[in-house]
PDB file of N, CA and C in Angstrom:
ATOM      1  N   MET A   1     160.355 232.474 177.538  1.00  0.00           N
ATOM      2  CA  MET A   1     160.079 232.688 178.504  1.00  0.00           C
ATOM      3  C   MET A   1     159.378 231.521 179.022  1.00  0.00           C
ATOM      4  N   LYS A   2     160.095 230.948 180.244  1.00  0.00           N
ATOM      5  CA  LYS A   2     159.189 230.122 180.693  1.00  0.00           C
ATOM      6  C   LYS A   2     158.663 230.099 182.410  1.00  0.00           C
ATOM      7  N   ILE A   3     157.280 230.171 182.555  1.00  0.00           N
ATOM      8  CA  ILE A   3     156.723 230.229 183.631  1.00  0.00           C
ATOM      9  C   ILE A   3     156.743 229.247 184.326  1.00  0.00           C
ATOM     10  N   ARG A   4     157.418 229.414 185.910  1.00  0.00           N
ATOM     11  CA  ARG A   4     157.353 228.094 187.000  1.00  0.00           C
ATOM     12  C   ARG A   4     156.517 228.464 187.952  1.00  0.00           C
ATOM     13  N   PHE A   5     156.072 227.756 188.889  1.00  0.00           N
ATOM     14  CA  PHE A   5     155.422 228.174 189.839  1.00  0.00           C
ATOM     15  C   PHE A   5     156.205 228.746 191.212  1.00  0.00           C
ATOM     16  N   LEU A   6     157.656 227.660 191.627  1.00  0.00           N
ATOM     17  CA  LEU A   6     158.674 228.268 192.462  1.00  0.00           C
ATOM     18  C   LEU A   6     159.662 229.385 191.919  1.00  0.00           C
ATOM     19  N   PRO A   7     160.082 230.539 192.603  1.00  0.00           N
ATOM     20  CA  PRO A   7     160.538 230.846 192.201  1.00  0.00           C
ATOM     21  C   PRO A   7     162.304 230.340 192.282  1.00  0.00           C
ATOM     22  N   LYS A   8     163.326 230.353 191.188  1.00  0.00           N
ATOM     23  CA  LYS A   8     164.598 230.316 190.777  1.00  0.00           C
ATOM     24  C   LYS A   8     165.675 231.452 191.425  1.00  0.00           C
ATOM     25  N   SER A   9     165.240 232.777 191.721  1.00  0.00           N
ATOM     26  CA  SER A   9     166.261 234.116 191.939  1.00  0.00           C
ATOM     27  C   SER A   9     166.189 234.000 193.757  1.00  0.00           C
ATOM     28  N   LYS A  10     167.394 234.329 194.505  1.00  0.00           N
ATOM     29  CA  LYS A  10     167.163 234.290 195.737  1.00  0.00           C
ATOM     30  C   LYS A  10     165.664 235.198 196.116  1.00  0.00           C
ATOM     31  N   LEU A  11     166.095 236.562 195.470  1.00  0.00           N
ATOM     32  CA  LEU A  11     164.942 237.509 196.121  1.00  0.00           C
ATOM     33  C   LEU A  11     163.938 237.080 196.142  1.00  0.00           C
ATOM     34  N   GLY A  12     163.495 235.831 194.689  1.00  0.00           N
ATOM     35  CA  GLY A  12     162.264 235.617 194.521  1.00  0.00           C
ATOM     36  C   GLY A  12     161.580 234.802 195.641  1.00  0.00           C
ATOM     37  N   VAL A  13     162.793 234.136 196.765  1.00  0.00           N
ATOM     38  CA  VAL A  13     162.689 232.816 197.098  1.00  0.00           C
ATOM     39  C   VAL A  13     162.216 233.613 198.596  1.00  0.00           C
ATOM     40  N   TRP A  14     163.250 234.957 198.978  1.00  0.00           N
ATOM     41  CA  TRP A  14     162.763 235.381 199.999  1.00  0.00           C
ATOM     42  C   TRP A  14     161.598 236.383 199.790  1.00  0.00           C
ATOM     43  N   SER A  15     160.991 236.727 199.026  1.00  0.00           N
ATOM     44  CA  SER A  15     159.828 237.303 198.731  1.00  0.00           C
ATOM     45  C   SER A  15     158.313 236.409 198.809  1.00  0.00           C
ATOM     46  N   VAL A  16     158.781 235.029 198.800  1.00  0.00           N
ATOM     47  CA  VAL A  16     157.847 233.789 199.114  1.00  0.00           C
ATOM     48  C   VAL A  16     157.747 233.542 200.407  1.00  0.00           C
ATOM     49  N   GLY A  17     159.006 233.612 200.969  1.00  0.00           N
ATOM     50  CA  GLY A  17     159.138 233.284 202.125  1.00  0.00           C
ATOM     51  C   GLY A  17     158.507 234.247 203.381  1.00  0.00           C
ATOM     52  N   PHE A  18     158.867 235.744 202.964  1.00  0.00           N
ATOM     53  CA  PHE A  18     157.991 236.699 203.753  1.00  0.00           C
ATOM     54  C   PHE A  18     156.472 236.529 203.892  1.00  0.00           C
ATOM     55  N   ALA A  19     155.866 236.147 202.477  1.00  0.00           N
ATOM     56  CA  ALA A  19     154.663 236.084 201.922  1.00  0.00           C
ATOM     57  C   ALA A  19     153.885 234.639 203.205  1.00  0.00           C
ATOM     58  N   CYS A  20     154.468 233.559 203.178  1.00  0.00           N
ATOM     59  CA  CYS A  20     154.323 233.056 204.100  1.00  0.00           C
ATOM     60  C   CYS A  20     154.719 233.285 205.436  1.00  0.00           C
ATOM     61  N   GLY A  21     155.860 233.680 205.967  1.00  0.00           N
ATOM     62  CA  GLY A  21     155.526 234.404 206.968  1.00  0.00           C
ATOM     63  C   GLY A  21     154.582 235.006 207.563  1.00  0.00           C
ATOM     64  N   PHE A  22     154.069 236.282 206.590  1.00  0.00           N
ATOM     65  CA  PHE A  22     152.875 236.345 206.746  1.00  0.00           C
ATOM     66  C   PHE A  22     151.866 236.098 207.145  1.00  0.00           C
ATOM     67  N   PHE A  23     151.447 235.024 207.000  1.00  0.00           N
ATOM     68  CA  PHE A  23     150.391 234.442 207.305  1.00  0.00           C
ATOM     69  C   PHE A  23     150.817 233.710 208.641  1.00  0.00           C
ATOM     70  N   ILE A  24     151.895 232.888 209.099  1.00  0.00           N
ATOM     71  CA  ILE A  24     152.400 232.151 209.971  1.00  0.00           C
ATOM     72  C   ILE A  24     152.184 233.634 211.322  1.00  0.00           C
ATOM     73  N   ILE A  25     152.740 234.509 210.856  1.00  0.00           N
ATOM     74  CA  ILE A  25     152.632 235.200 212.211  1.00  0.00           C
ATOM     75  C   ILE A  25     151.317 236.027 212.543  1.00  0.00           C
ATOM     76  N   LEU A  26     150.406 236.199 211.284  1.00  0.00           N
ATOM     77  CA  LEU A  26     148.456 236.163 211.382  1.00  0.00           C
ATOM     78  C   LEU A  26     148.035 235.343 212.045  1.00  0.00           C
ATOM     79  N   PHE A  27     148.829 234.084 211.884  1.00  0.00           N
ATOM     80  CA  PHE A  27     147.757 232.927 212.579  1.00  0.00           C
ATOM     81  C   PHE A  27     148.397 233.117 214.169  1.00  0.00           C
ATOM     82  N   VAL A  28     149.579 233.306 214.365  1.00  0.00           N
ATOM     83  CA  VAL A  28     149.889 233.769 215.887  1.00  0.00           C
ATOM     84  C   VAL A  28     149.816 234.834 216.746  1.00  0.00           C
ATOM     85  N   PHE A  29     149.113 235.460 215.618  1.00  0.00           N
ATOM     86  CA  PHE A  29     148.370 236.654 216.359  1.00  0.00           C
ATOM     87  C   PHE A  29     146.863 236.528 216.652  1.00  0.00           C
ATOM     88  N   PHE A  30     146.403 235.645 215.992  1.00  0.00           N
ATOM     89  CA  PHE A  30     144.468 235.449 216.411  1.00  0.00           C
ATOM     90  C   PHE A  30     144.671 234.655 217.318  1.00  0.00           C
ATOM     91  N   GLN A  31     145.609 233.474 217.435  1.00  0.00           N
ATOM     92  CA  GLN A  31     145.829 232.673 218.627  1.00  0.00           C
ATOM     93  C   GLN A  31     145.983 233.244 220.064  1.00  0.00           C
ATOM     94  N   ILE A  32     146.929 234.699 220.158  1.00  0.00           N
ATOM     95  CA  ILE A  32     147.188 235.147 221.368  1.00  0.00           C
ATOM     96  C   ILE A  32     146.097 236.521 221.329  1.00  0.00           C
ATOM     97  N   ALA A  33     144.741 236.545 220.342  1.00  0.00           N
ATOM     98  CA  ALA A  33     143.507 237.448 220.574  1.00  0.00           C
ATOM     99  C   ALA A  33     142.984 236.755 220.924  1.00  0.00           C
ATOM    100  N   LYS A  34     142.641 235.269 221.107  1.00  0.00           N
ATOM    101  CA  LYS A  34     141.896 234.879 221.683  1.00  0.00           C
ATOM    102  C   LYS A  34     142.075 235.108 223.458  1.00  0.00           C
ATOM    103  N   SER A  35     143.269 234.844 223.917  1.00  0.00           N
ATOM    104  CA  SER A  35     143.078 235.260 224.988  1.00  0.00           C
ATOM    105  C   SER A  35     143.833 236.281 225.936  1.00  0.00           C
ATOM    106  N   ALA A  36     144.188 237.230 224.882  1.00  0.00           N
ATOM    107  CA  ALA A  36     144.232 238.469 225.160  1.00  0.00           C
ATOM    108  C   ALA A  36     143.959 239.623 226.102  1.00  0.00           C
ATOM    109  N   GLU A  37     144.259 240.204 227.254  1.00  0.00           N
ATOM    110  CA  GLU A  37     143.229 241.182 227.524  1.00  0.00           C
ATOM    111  C   GLU A  37     143.572 242.356 227.216  1.00  0.00           C
ATOM    112  N   ILE A  38     142.282 243.212 226.398  1.00  0.00           N
ATOM    113  CA  ILE A  38     142.670 244.464 225.797  1.00  0.00           C
ATOM    114  C   ILE A  38     142.643 245.156 226.976  1.00  0.00           C
ATOM    115  N   LYS A  39     143.780 246.266 226.884  1.00  0.00           N
ATOM    116  CA  LYS A  39     143.804 247.090 228.113  1.00  0.00           C
ATOM    117  C   LYS A  39     143.401 248.679 227.706  1.00  0.00           C
ATOM    118  N   GLY A  40     143.355 248.724 226.398  1.00  0.00           N
ATOM    119  CA  GLY A  40     143.221 250.282 225.926  1.00  0.00           C
ATOM    120  C   GLY A  40     142.419 249.925 224.868  1.00  0.00           C
ATOM    121  N   ASP A  41     142.096 251.496 224.519  1.00  0.00           N
ATOM    122  CA  ASP A  41     141.831 251.852 222.591  1.00  0.00           C
ATOM    123  C   ASP A  41     142.651 252.047 221.682  1.00  0.00           C
ATOM    124  N   GLY A  42     143.785 252.416 222.099  1.00  0.00           N
ATOM    125  CA  GLY A  42     145.380 252.520 221.388  1.00  0.00           C
ATOM    126  C   GLY A  42     145.477 251.590 220.804  1.00  0.00           C
ATOM    127  N   PHE A  43     146.362 251.515 219.891  1.00  0.00           N
ATOM    128  CA  PHE A  43     147.088 249.988 219.314  1.00  0.00           C
ATOM    129  C   PHE A  43     148.040 249.649 219.735  1.00  0.00           C
ATOM    130  N   PHE A  44     148.748 250.642 220.744  1.00  0.00           N
ATOM    131  CA  PHE A  44     150.326 249.915 221.683  1.00  0.00           C
ATOM    132  C   PHE A  44     149.452 249.930 222.828  1.00  0.00           C
ATOM    133  N   ASP A  45     148.469 249.688 222.769  1.00  0.00           N
ATOM    134  CA  ASP A  45     147.874 249.609 224.610  1.00  0.00           C
ATOM    135  C   ASP A  45     147.784 248.653 224.888  1.00  0.00           C
ATOM    136  N   THR A  46     147.794 246.991 223.931  1.00  0.00           N
ATOM    137  CA  THR A  46     148.051 245.519 224.324  1.00  0.00           C
ATOM    138  C   THR A  46     149.378 245.193 223.409  1.00  0.00           C
ATOM    139  N   LEU A  47     150.527 245.262 223.615  1.00  0.00           N
ATOM    140  CA  LEU A  47     151.428 245.354 223.153  1.00  0.00           C
ATOM    141  C   LEU A  47     151.772 243.760 222.883  1.00  0.00           C
ATOM    142  N   ALA A  48     151.062 242.864 223.341  1.00  0.00           N
ATOM    143  CA  ALA A  48     151.031 241.480 223.183  1.00  0.00           C
ATOM    144  C   ALA A  48     150.194 241.237 221.828  1.00  0.00           C
ATOM    145  N   LEU A  49     149.486 242.316 221.447  1.00  0.00           N
ATOM    146  CA  LEU A  49     148.743 241.796 219.896  1.00  0.00           C
ATOM    147  C   LEU A  49     149.129 243.116 219.432  1.00  0.00           C
ATOM    148  N   ALA A  50     150.315 243.971 219.455  1.00  0.00           N
ATOM    149  CA  ALA A  50     150.581 244.854 218.103  1.00  0.00           C
ATOM    150  C   ALA A  50     151.920 244.382 217.847  1.00  0.00           C
ATOM    151  N   ILE A  51     152.502 243.846 218.416  1.00  0.00           N
ATOM    152  CA  ILE A  51     154.105 243.415 218.103  1.00  0.00           C
ATOM    153  C   ILE A  51     153.592 242.646 216.938  1.00  0.00           C
ATOM    154  N   PRO A  52     152.691 241.299 217.539  1.00  0.00           N
ATOM    155  CA  PRO A  52     152.512 240.331 216.207  1.00  0.00           C
ATOM    156  C   PRO A  52     152.219 240.965 215.041  1.00  0.00           C
ATOM    157  N   LEU A  53     151.317 241.777 215.145  1.00  0.00           N
ATOM    158  CA  LEU A  53     150.113 242.953 213.891  1.00  0.00           C
ATOM    159  C   LEU A  53     151.103 243.263 213.088  1.00  0.00           C
ATOM    160  N   LEU A  54     151.911 244.064 214.097  1.00  0.00           N
ATOM    161  CA  LEU A  54     153.083 244.819 213.154  1.00  0.00           C
ATOM    162  C   LEU A  54     154.435 244.165 212.510  1.00  0.00           C
ATOM    163  N   LEU A  55     154.971 243.038 212.885  1.00  0.00           N
ATOM    164  CA  LEU A  55     155.802 241.550 212.029  1.00  0.00           C
ATOM    165  C   LEU A  55     155.036 241.631 211.100  1.00  0.00           C
ATOM    166  N   ALA A  56     153.804 240.923 211.518  1.00  0.00           N
ATOM    167  CA  ALA A  56     153.083 240.643 210.244  1.00  0.00           C
ATOM    168  C   ALA A  56     153.296 241.724 208.771  1.00  0.00           C
ATOM    169  N   GLY A  57     152.945 242.653 209.308  1.00  0.00           N
ATOM    170  CA  GLY A  57     152.654 244.444 208.370  1.00  0.00           C
ATOM    171  C   GLY A  57     154.033 244.018 207.878  1.00  0.00           C
ATOM    172  N   ILE A  58     154.710 244.260 208.613  1.00  0.00           N
ATOM    173  CA  ILE A  58     156.346 244.625 208.065  1.00  0.00           C
ATOM    174  C   ILE A  58     156.858 243.301 207.117  1.00  0.00           C
ATOM    175  N   SER A  59     156.511 241.992 207.128  1.00  0.00           N
ATOM    176  CA  SER A  59     156.651 240.843 206.735  1.00  0.00           C
ATOM    177  C   SER A  59     155.740 241.113 205.145  1.00  0.00           C
ATOM    178  N   GLY A  60     154.388 241.532 205.228  1.00  0.00           N
ATOM    179  CA  GLY A  60     153.791 241.431 203.798  1.00  0.00           C
ATOM    180  C   GLY A  60     154.235 242.488 202.808  1.00  0.00           C
ATOM    181  N   VAL A  61     154.382 243.714 203.384  1.00  0.00           N
ATOM    182  CA  VAL A  61     155.065 244.642 202.697  1.00  0.00           C
ATOM    183  C   VAL A  61     156.750 244.507 202.148  1.00  0.00           C
ATOM    184  N   LEU A  62     157.762 243.753 203.026  1.00  0.00           N
ATOM    185  CA  LEU A  62     158.644 243.442 202.392  1.00  0.00           C
ATOM    186  C   LEU A  62     158.109 241.885 201.486  1.00  0.00           C
ATOM    187  N   ALA A  63     157.659 241.435 201.505  1.00  0.00           N
ATOM    188  CA  ALA A  63     157.402 240.405 200.159  1.00  0.00           C
ATOM    189  C   ALA A  63     157.360 241.196 198.835  1.00  0.00           C
ATOM    190  N   LEU A  64     156.030 242.478 199.160  1.00  0.00           N
ATOM    191  CA  LEU A  64     155.844 243.325 198.047  1.00  0.00           C
ATOM    192  C   LEU A  64     157.322 243.854 197.457  1.00  0.00           C
ATOM    193  N   ILE A  65     158.262 244.162 198.595  1.00  0.00           N
ATOM    194  CA  ILE A  65     159.013 245.072 197.857  1.00  0.00           C
ATOM    195  C   ILE A  65     160.411 243.962 197.331  1.00  0.00           C
ATOM    196  N   LEU A  66     160.768 242.963 198.085  1.00  0.00           N
ATOM    197  CA  LEU A  66     161.249 241.889 197.182  1.00  0.00           C
ATOM    198  C   LEU A  66     161.027 241.324 196.206  1.00  0.00           C
ATOM    199  N   GLY A  67     159.620 241.059 195.887  1.00  0.00           N
ATOM    200  CA  GLY A  67     159.146 240.338 194.960  1.00  0.00           C
ATOM    201  C   GLY A  67     159.430 241.603 193.412  1.00  0.00           C
ATOM    202  N   VAL A  68     158.919 242.905 193.807  1.00  0.00           N
ATOM    203  CA  VAL A  68     159.226 243.724 192.453  1.00  0.00           C
ATOM    204  C   VAL A  68     160.159 243.795 192.202  1.00  0.00           C
ATOM    205  N   ILE A  69     161.322 243.792 192.737  1.00  0.00           N
ATOM    206  CA  ILE A  69     162.745 243.847 192.737  1.00  0.00           C
ATOM    207  C   ILE A  69     163.116 242.319 192.115  1.00  0.00           C
ATOM    208  N   SER A  70     162.772 241.583 192.630  1.00  0.00           N
ATOM    209  CA  SER A  70     163.064 240.093 191.805  1.00  0.00           C
ATOM    210  C   SER A  70     162.309 239.758 190.048  1.00  0.00           C
ATOM    211  N   ILE A  71     161.271 240.883 190.120  1.00  0.00           N
ATOM    212  CA  ILE A  71     160.608 240.443 188.966  1.00  0.00           C
ATOM    213  C   ILE A  71     161.341 241.848 188.096  1.00  0.00           C
ATOM    214  N   ILE A  72     161.328 242.838 188.294  1.00  0.00           N
ATOM    215  CA  ILE A  72     162.491 243.737 187.365  1.00  0.00           C
ATOM    216  C   ILE A  72     163.951 243.170 186.977  1.00  0.00           C
ATOM    217  N   LYS A  73     164.599 243.087 188.373  1.00  0.00           N
ATOM    218  CA  LYS A  73     166.219 242.709 188.510  1.00  0.00           C
ATOM    219  C   LYS A  73     166.496 241.368 187.824  1.00  0.00           C
ATOM    220  N   SER A  74     165.706 240.403 188.716  1.00  0.00           N
ATOM    221  CA  SER A  74     166.504 239.173 188.051  1.00  0.00           C
ATOM    222  C   SER A  74     165.212 238.323 186.829  1.00  0.00           C
ATOM    223  N   LYS A  75     164.618 239.332 186.682  1.00  0.00           N
ATOM    224  CA  LYS A  75     163.175 238.791 185.447  1.00  0.00           C
ATOM    225  C   LYS A  75     162.973 237.294 186.223  1.00  0.00           C
ATOM    226  N   GLU A  76     162.075 237.423 187.295  1.00  0.00           N
ATOM    227  CA  GLU A  76     161.742 236.189 187.690  1.00  0.00           C
ATOM    228  C   GLU A  76     160.052 236.416 187.185  1.00  0.00           C
ATOM    229  N   ARG A  77     159.880 235.099 186.793  1.00  0.00           N
ATOM    230  CA  ARG A  77     158.454 234.946 186.422  1.00  0.00           C
ATOM    231  C   ARG A  77     157.934 233.895 186.973  1.00  0.00           C
ATOM    232  N   ALA A  78     157.962 233.745 188.297  1.00  0.00           N
ATOM    233  CA  ALA A  78     157.357 232.302 188.951  1.00  0.00           C
ATOM    234  C   ALA A  78     156.083 232.799 189.584  1.00  0.00           C
ATOM    235  N   ILE A  79     155.193 232.388 189.511  1.00  0.00           N
ATOM    236  CA  ILE A  79     153.616 232.111 189.903  1.00  0.00           C
ATOM    237  C   ILE A  79     153.528 232.869 191.205  1.00  0.00           C
ATOM    238  N   ALA A  80     154.328 232.179 192.071  1.00  0.00           N
ATOM    239  CA  ALA A  80     154.201 232.058 193.554  1.00  0.00           C
ATOM    240  C   ALA A  80     155.076 233.500 193.530  1.00  0.00           C
ATOM    241  N   VAL A  81     155.894 234.038 193.386  1.00  0.00           N
ATOM    242  CA  VAL A  81     156.109 235.701 193.551  1.00  0.00           C
ATOM    243  C   VAL A  81     155.246 236.707 192.924  1.00  0.00           C
ATOM    244  N   PHE A  82     154.402 236.586 192.246  1.00  0.00           N
ATOM    245  CA  PHE A  82     153.396 237.462 191.680  1.00  0.00           C
ATOM    246  C   PHE A  82     152.426 237.078 192.856  1.00  0.00           C
ATOM    247  N   ILE A  83     152.170 236.022 193.562  1.00  0.00           N
ATOM    248  CA  ILE A  83     151.244 235.829 194.225  1.00  0.00           C
ATOM    249  C   ILE A  83     151.228 236.459 195.928  1.00  0.00           C
ATOM    250  N   SER A  84     153.091 236.295 195.902  1.00  0.00           N
ATOM    251  CA  SER A  84     153.353 237.446 197.235  1.00  0.00           C
ATOM    252  C   SER A  84     153.572 238.987 196.855  1.00  0.00           C
ATOM    253  N   CYS A  85     153.655 239.234 195.857  1.00  0.00           N
ATOM    254  CA  CYS A  85     153.702 240.648 195.339  1.00  0.00           C
ATOM    255  C   CYS A  85     152.005 241.073 195.462  1.00  0.00           C
ATOM    256  N   ILE A  86     151.117 240.374 195.389  1.00  0.00           N
ATOM    257  CA  ILE A  86     149.482 240.562 195.371  1.00  0.00           C
ATOM    258  C   ILE A  86     149.359 240.841 197.053  1.00  0.00           C
ATOM    259  N   ILE A  87     149.577 239.767 197.615  1.00  0.00           N
ATOM    260  CA  ILE A  87     149.528 239.594 198.979  1.00  0.00           C
ATOM    261  C   ILE A  87     150.098 241.034 199.373  1.00  0.00           C
ATOM    262  N   GLY A  88     151.459 241.138 199.519  1.00  0.00           N
ATOM    263  CA  GLY A  88     152.327 242.437 199.867  1.00  0.00           C
ATOM    264  C   GLY A  88     151.437 243.404 199.653  1.00  0.00           C
ATOM    265  N   LEU A  89     150.958 244.113 198.452  1.00  0.00           N
ATOM    266  CA  LEU A  89     150.156 244.907 198.120  1.00  0.00           C
ATOM    267  C   LEU A  89     148.615 245.283 198.558  1.00  0.00           C
ATOM    268  N   LEU A  90     148.183 244.406 198.939  1.00  0.00           N
ATOM    269  CA  LEU A  90     146.832 243.660 199.982  1.00  0.00           C
ATOM    270  C   LEU A  90     147.103 244.609 201.290  1.00  0.00           C
ATOM    271  N   VAL A  91     148.118 243.833 201.513  1.00  0.00           N
ATOM    272  CA  VAL A  91     148.780 244.387 203.059  1.00  0.00           C
ATOM    273  C   VAL A  91     148.650 245.983 203.149  1.00  0.00           C
ATOM    274  N   LEU A  92     149.719 246.334 202.036  1.00  0.00           N
ATOM    275  CA  LEU A  92     150.056 247.946 202.683  1.00  0.00           C
ATOM    276  C   LEU A  92     148.782 248.663 202.246  1.00  0.00           C
ATOM    277  N   LEU A  93     147.969 248.241 201.159  1.00  0.00           N
ATOM    278  CA  LEU A  93     146.919 248.743 200.711  1.00  0.00           C
ATOM    279  C   LEU A  93     145.906 249.060 202.349  1.00  0.00           C
ATOM    280  N   PHE A  94     145.772 248.375 202.920  1.00  0.00           N
ATOM    281  CA  PHE A  94     145.073 248.238 204.335  1.00  0.00           C
ATOM    282  C   PHE A  94     145.912 248.959 205.286  1.00  0.00           C
ATOM    283  N   ALA A  95     146.971 248.795 205.454  1.00  0.00           N
ATOM    284  CA  ALA A  95     147.824 249.404 206.581  1.00  0.00           C
ATOM    285  C   ALA A  95     147.661 251.176 205.984  1.00  0.00           C
ATOM    286  N   LEU A  96     148.025 251.495 204.492  1.00  0.00           N
ATOM    287  CA  LEU A  96     147.821 253.336 204.492  1.00  0.00           C
ATOM    288  C   LEU A  96     146.183 253.276 204.856  1.00  0.00           C
ATOM    289  N   GLY A  97     145.291 252.875 204.213  1.00  0.00           N
ATOM    290  CA  GLY A  97     143.845 252.519 204.827  1.00  0.00           C
ATOM    291  C   GLY A  97     143.620 253.139 205.995  1.00  0.00           C
ATOM    292  N   GLU A  98     144.247 252.304 206.756  1.00  0.00           N
ATOM    293  CA  GLU A  98     143.845 252.321 208.626  1.00  0.00           C
ATOM    294  C   GLU A  98     144.692 253.795 208.912  1.00  0.00           C
ATOM    295  N   MET A  99     145.282 254.035 207.874  1.00  0.00           N
ATOM    296  CA  MET A  99     146.041 255.282 209.014  1.00  0.00           C
ATOM    297  C   MET A  99     145.545 256.487 208.234  1.00  0.00           C
ATOM    298  N   PHE A 100     145.207 256.453 207.286  1.00  0.00           N
ATOM    299  CA  PHE A 100     144.784 257.986 206.347  1.00  0.00           C
ATOM    300  C   PHE A 100     143.774 258.123 206.065  1.00  0.00           C
ATOM    301  N   VAL A 101     142.513 256.856 206.643  1.00  0.00           N
ATOM    302  CA  VAL A 101     141.024 257.169 206.438  1.00  0.00           C
ATOM    303  C   VAL A 101     140.637 257.129 207.952  1.00  0.00           C
ATOM    304  N   PRO A 102     139.948 258.130 207.971  1.00  0.00           N
ATOM    305  CA  PRO A 102     139.813 258.522 209.366  1.00  0.00           C
ATOM    306  C   PRO A 102     138.188 257.579 209.950  1.00  0.00           C
ATOM    307  N   HIS A 103     138.261 256.604 211.488  1.00  0.00           N
ATOM    308  CA  HIS A 103     137.484 256.182 211.521  1.00  0.00           C
ATOM    309  C   HIS A 103     136.167 256.520 212.354  1.00  0.00           C
ATOM    310  N   THR A 104     134.836 256.852 212.189  1.00  0.00           N
ATOM    311  CA  THR A 104     133.896 257.200 212.967  1.00  0.00           C
ATOM    312  C   THR A 104     133.311 256.265 213.840  1.00  0.00           C
TER     313      THR A 104
END
């Protein structure tokens, strides 16, 4: 078994792409947040901030799902796929924590 940095399977490449897309969309979110006018306390009150954040979250979770599928189905052993799975898992845990743990 040979361990590489970059993936060879199609699903592995997609997983790494979604992980990179997560960081790009998150960067766009922070650039928009610098000048956005906050309209309320709810998540969807400021759509200019909610949409990029939702897209980043979806991209992170897709990186996890596609990475796990490529590891199991295609027996992908690339380091970048494992890193994208870790990133996706952290995004998923953060999103679940925000939804289910009450804020005081």
